[in-house]
């Protein structure tokens, strides 16, 4: 059985209740203008409206960042 990092990311996003608008392999379009690319195992690139924000190497921190950035009171 092979391990697919993108499937793991899809699972993590679902568990964190982050809406995936569209998925094409390792590319995810998320709610509120965010996009996510799985670059390799434990390396993810997050973008907002086409602008790269930062690479992340921890899916938990990435999901927390997205959740916080989509809160109505986020500044």
N, C-alpha and C. Protein backbone atom coordinates (compact mmCIF):
# COMPACT_ATOMS: atom_id res chain seq x y z
N UNK A 1 0.85 -1.18 0.00
CA UNK A 1 0.00 0.00 0.00
C UNK A 1 0.89 1.24 0.00
N UNK A 2 0.62 2.17 -0.88
CA UNK A 2 1.41 3.40 -0.95
C UNK A 2 0.72 4.50 -0.16
N UNK A 3 1.55 5.38 0.36
CA UNK A 3 1.07 6.51 1.15
C UNK A 3 0.89 7.71 0.22
N UNK A 4 -0.26 8.34 0.29
CA UNK A 4 -0.53 9.52 -0.53
C UNK A 4 -0.71 10.73 0.39
N UNK A 5 0.26 11.63 0.39
CA UNK A 5 0.22 12.82 1.24
C UNK A 5 -1.01 13.68 0.94
N UNK A 6 -1.41 13.74 -0.33
CA UNK A 6 -2.57 14.56 -0.69
C UNK A 6 -3.85 14.02 -0.07
N UNK A 7 -3.99 12.71 0.01
CA UNK A 7 -5.16 12.13 0.67
C UNK A 7 -5.14 12.45 2.17
N UNK A 8 -3.95 12.43 2.77
CA UNK A 8 -3.82 12.79 4.18
C UNK A 8 -4.24 14.24 4.39
N UNK A 9 -3.82 15.13 3.51
CA UNK A 9 -4.19 16.55 3.61
C UNK A 9 -5.70 16.70 3.47
N UNK A 10 -6.31 16.00 2.52
CA UNK A 10 -7.76 16.07 2.34
C UNK A 10 -8.47 15.63 3.62
N UNK A 11 -7.98 14.59 4.25
CA UNK A 11 -8.55 14.10 5.51
C UNK A 11 -8.41 15.16 6.61
N UNK A 12 -7.22 15.76 6.72
CA UNK A 12 -6.98 16.77 7.76
C UNK A 12 -7.88 17.99 7.55
N UNK A 13 -8.02 18.44 6.32
CA UNK A 13 -8.89 19.58 6.02
C UNK A 13 -10.32 19.27 6.41
N UNK A 14 -10.77 18.07 6.10
CA UNK A 14 -12.13 17.67 6.45
C UNK A 14 -12.32 17.64 7.97
N UNK A 15 -11.36 17.09 8.68
CA UNK A 15 -11.44 17.01 10.14
C UNK A 15 -11.45 18.40 10.77
N UNK A 16 -10.76 19.36 10.15
CA UNK A 16 -10.72 20.73 10.68
C UNK A 16 -11.87 21.59 10.14
N UNK A 17 -12.77 20.96 9.39
CA UNK A 17 -13.95 21.62 8.83
C UNK A 17 -13.57 22.80 7.94
N UNK A 18 -12.55 22.58 7.10
CA UNK A 18 -12.13 23.55 6.10
C UNK A 18 -12.69 23.07 4.76
N UNK A 19 -13.48 23.91 4.13
CA UNK A 19 -14.16 23.52 2.91
C UNK A 19 -13.20 23.48 1.73
N UNK A 20 -13.20 22.35 1.03
CA UNK A 20 -12.44 22.20 -0.21
C UNK A 20 -13.43 22.44 -1.35
N UNK A 21 -13.17 23.50 -2.12
CA UNK A 21 -14.03 23.83 -3.25
C UNK A 21 -13.75 22.88 -4.41
N UNK A 22 -12.46 22.61 -4.65
CA UNK A 22 -12.06 21.75 -5.76
C UNK A 22 -10.71 21.13 -5.42
N UNK A 23 -10.54 19.88 -5.83
CA UNK A 23 -9.25 19.21 -5.68
C UNK A 23 -8.86 18.58 -7.00
N UNK A 24 -7.62 18.84 -7.40
CA UNK A 24 -7.05 18.20 -8.58
C UNK A 24 -5.70 17.63 -8.16
N UNK A 25 -5.70 16.37 -7.78
CA UNK A 25 -4.47 15.72 -7.34
C UNK A 25 -3.93 16.35 -6.08
N UNK A 26 -2.78 17.01 -6.22
CA UNK A 26 -2.13 17.62 -5.06
C UNK A 26 -2.48 19.09 -4.88
N UNK A 27 -3.40 19.59 -5.69
CA UNK A 27 -3.83 21.00 -5.64
C UNK A 27 -5.23 21.10 -5.06
N UNK A 28 -5.40 22.00 -4.11
CA UNK A 28 -6.68 22.20 -3.44
C UNK A 28 -7.07 23.67 -3.54
N UNK A 29 -8.30 23.93 -3.97
CA UNK A 29 -8.88 25.27 -3.87
C UNK A 29 -9.78 25.24 -2.65
N UNK A 30 -9.51 26.15 -1.72
CA UNK A 30 -10.22 26.16 -0.44
C UNK A 30 -11.15 27.35 -0.35
N UNK A 31 -11.89 27.39 0.72
CA UNK A 31 -12.80 28.51 0.97
C UNK A 31 -12.02 29.82 1.13
N UNK A 32 -12.70 30.92 0.88
CA UNK A 32 -12.17 32.27 1.12
C UNK A 32 -10.91 32.60 0.34
N UNK A 33 -10.76 32.07 -0.87
CA UNK A 33 -9.66 32.45 -1.74
C UNK A 33 -8.33 31.77 -1.48
N UNK A 34 -8.30 30.78 -0.60
CA UNK A 34 -7.05 30.08 -0.31
C UNK A 34 -6.84 28.93 -1.28
N UNK A 35 -5.58 28.68 -1.60
CA UNK A 35 -5.17 27.53 -2.40
C UNK A 35 -4.04 26.84 -1.68
N UNK A 36 -3.97 25.54 -1.86
CA UNK A 36 -2.97 24.73 -1.17
C UNK A 36 -2.37 23.76 -2.17
N UNK A 37 -1.05 23.64 -2.13
CA UNK A 37 -0.35 22.66 -2.95
C UNK A 37 0.49 21.78 -2.04
N UNK A 38 0.37 20.48 -2.23
CA UNK A 38 1.22 19.53 -1.51
C UNK A 38 2.50 19.40 -2.34
N UNK A 39 3.60 19.94 -1.83
CA UNK A 39 4.85 19.91 -2.58
C UNK A 39 5.58 18.58 -2.39
N UNK A 40 5.53 18.06 -1.20
CA UNK A 40 6.11 16.75 -0.88
C UNK A 40 5.59 16.38 0.49
N UNK A 41 6.01 15.24 0.99
CA UNK A 41 5.56 14.83 2.32
C UNK A 41 5.98 15.88 3.34
N UNK A 42 4.99 16.37 4.09
CA UNK A 42 5.17 17.38 5.13
C UNK A 42 5.73 18.70 4.62
N UNK A 43 5.37 19.07 3.40
CA UNK A 43 5.71 20.39 2.88
C UNK A 43 4.56 20.87 2.01
N UNK A 44 3.96 21.99 2.43
CA UNK A 44 2.75 22.50 1.80
C UNK A 44 2.92 23.98 1.50
N UNK A 45 2.39 24.39 0.34
CA UNK A 45 2.46 25.81 -0.04
C UNK A 45 1.04 26.36 -0.01
N UNK A 46 0.85 27.43 0.76
CA UNK A 46 -0.47 28.06 0.87
C UNK A 46 -0.42 29.41 0.16
N UNK A 47 -1.49 29.68 -0.59
CA UNK A 47 -1.62 30.95 -1.31
C UNK A 47 -2.99 31.53 -1.01
N UNK A 48 -3.08 32.84 -1.17
CA UNK A 48 -4.37 33.53 -1.02
C UNK A 48 -4.54 34.45 -2.21
N UNK A 49 -5.60 34.23 -2.96
CA UNK A 49 -5.87 35.01 -4.17
C UNK A 49 -4.64 35.07 -5.09
N UNK A 50 -3.93 33.95 -5.22
CA UNK A 50 -2.80 33.84 -6.13
C UNK A 50 -1.46 34.27 -5.56
N UNK A 51 -1.43 34.84 -4.37
CA UNK A 51 -0.18 35.29 -3.76
C UNK A 51 0.28 34.27 -2.72
N UNK A 52 1.53 33.80 -2.87
CA UNK A 52 2.05 32.81 -1.93
C UNK A 52 2.24 33.46 -0.57
N UNK A 53 1.72 32.82 0.45
CA UNK A 53 1.84 33.32 1.82
C UNK A 53 3.09 32.75 2.46
N UNK A 54 3.17 31.42 2.50
CA UNK A 54 4.28 30.80 3.20
C UNK A 54 4.25 29.30 2.98
N UNK A 55 5.40 28.68 3.03
CA UNK A 55 5.38 27.21 3.09
C UNK A 55 5.12 26.78 4.54
N UNK A 56 4.50 25.65 4.69
CA UNK A 56 4.26 25.05 6.00
C UNK A 56 4.80 23.63 5.98
N UNK A 57 5.33 23.19 7.10
CA UNK A 57 5.79 21.81 7.20
C UNK A 57 5.02 21.03 8.27
N UNK A 58 3.92 21.62 8.73
CA UNK A 58 3.09 20.99 9.76
C UNK A 58 1.63 21.19 9.37
N UNK A 59 0.93 20.10 9.07
CA UNK A 59 -0.45 20.21 8.61
C UNK A 59 -1.36 20.79 9.68
N UNK A 60 -1.08 20.52 10.94
CA UNK A 60 -1.88 21.09 12.03
C UNK A 60 -1.78 22.59 12.09
N UNK A 61 -0.56 23.10 12.00
CA UNK A 61 -0.35 24.56 12.01
C UNK A 61 -0.95 25.20 10.77
N UNK A 62 -0.86 24.52 9.64
CA UNK A 62 -1.45 25.05 8.40
C UNK A 62 -2.96 25.17 8.54
N UNK A 63 -3.59 24.13 9.04
CA UNK A 63 -5.05 24.17 9.21
C UNK A 63 -5.46 25.24 10.22
N UNK A 64 -4.71 25.37 11.30
CA UNK A 64 -5.00 26.41 12.29
C UNK A 64 -4.86 27.80 11.67
N UNK A 65 -3.83 28.00 10.86
CA UNK A 65 -3.65 29.28 10.18
C UNK A 65 -4.86 29.60 9.29
N UNK A 66 -5.30 28.63 8.50
CA UNK A 66 -6.44 28.85 7.61
C UNK A 66 -7.70 29.14 8.42
N UNK A 67 -7.92 28.37 9.49
CA UNK A 67 -9.10 28.60 10.32
C UNK A 67 -9.08 30.00 10.93
N UNK A 68 -7.93 30.42 11.43
CA UNK A 68 -7.83 31.74 12.03
C UNK A 68 -7.97 32.85 10.99
N UNK A 69 -7.41 32.65 9.82
CA UNK A 69 -7.47 33.68 8.77
C UNK A 69 -8.87 33.84 8.19
N UNK A 70 -9.72 32.84 8.36
CA UNK A 70 -11.06 32.93 7.82
C UNK A 70 -12.09 33.35 8.88
N UNK A 71 -11.62 33.61 10.10
CA UNK A 71 -12.53 34.09 11.13
C UNK A 71 -12.96 35.54 10.81
N UNK A 72 -14.20 35.87 11.07
CA UNK A 72 -14.68 37.24 10.77
C UNK A 72 -13.92 38.32 11.51
N UNK A 73 -13.40 38.02 12.71
CA UNK A 73 -12.71 39.04 13.50
C UNK A 73 -11.21 39.08 13.25
N UNK A 74 -10.72 38.29 12.25
CA UNK A 74 -9.28 38.27 11.94
C UNK A 74 -8.86 39.60 11.31
N UNK A 75 -7.77 40.14 11.78
CA UNK A 75 -7.28 41.43 11.27
C UNK A 75 -6.02 41.20 10.46
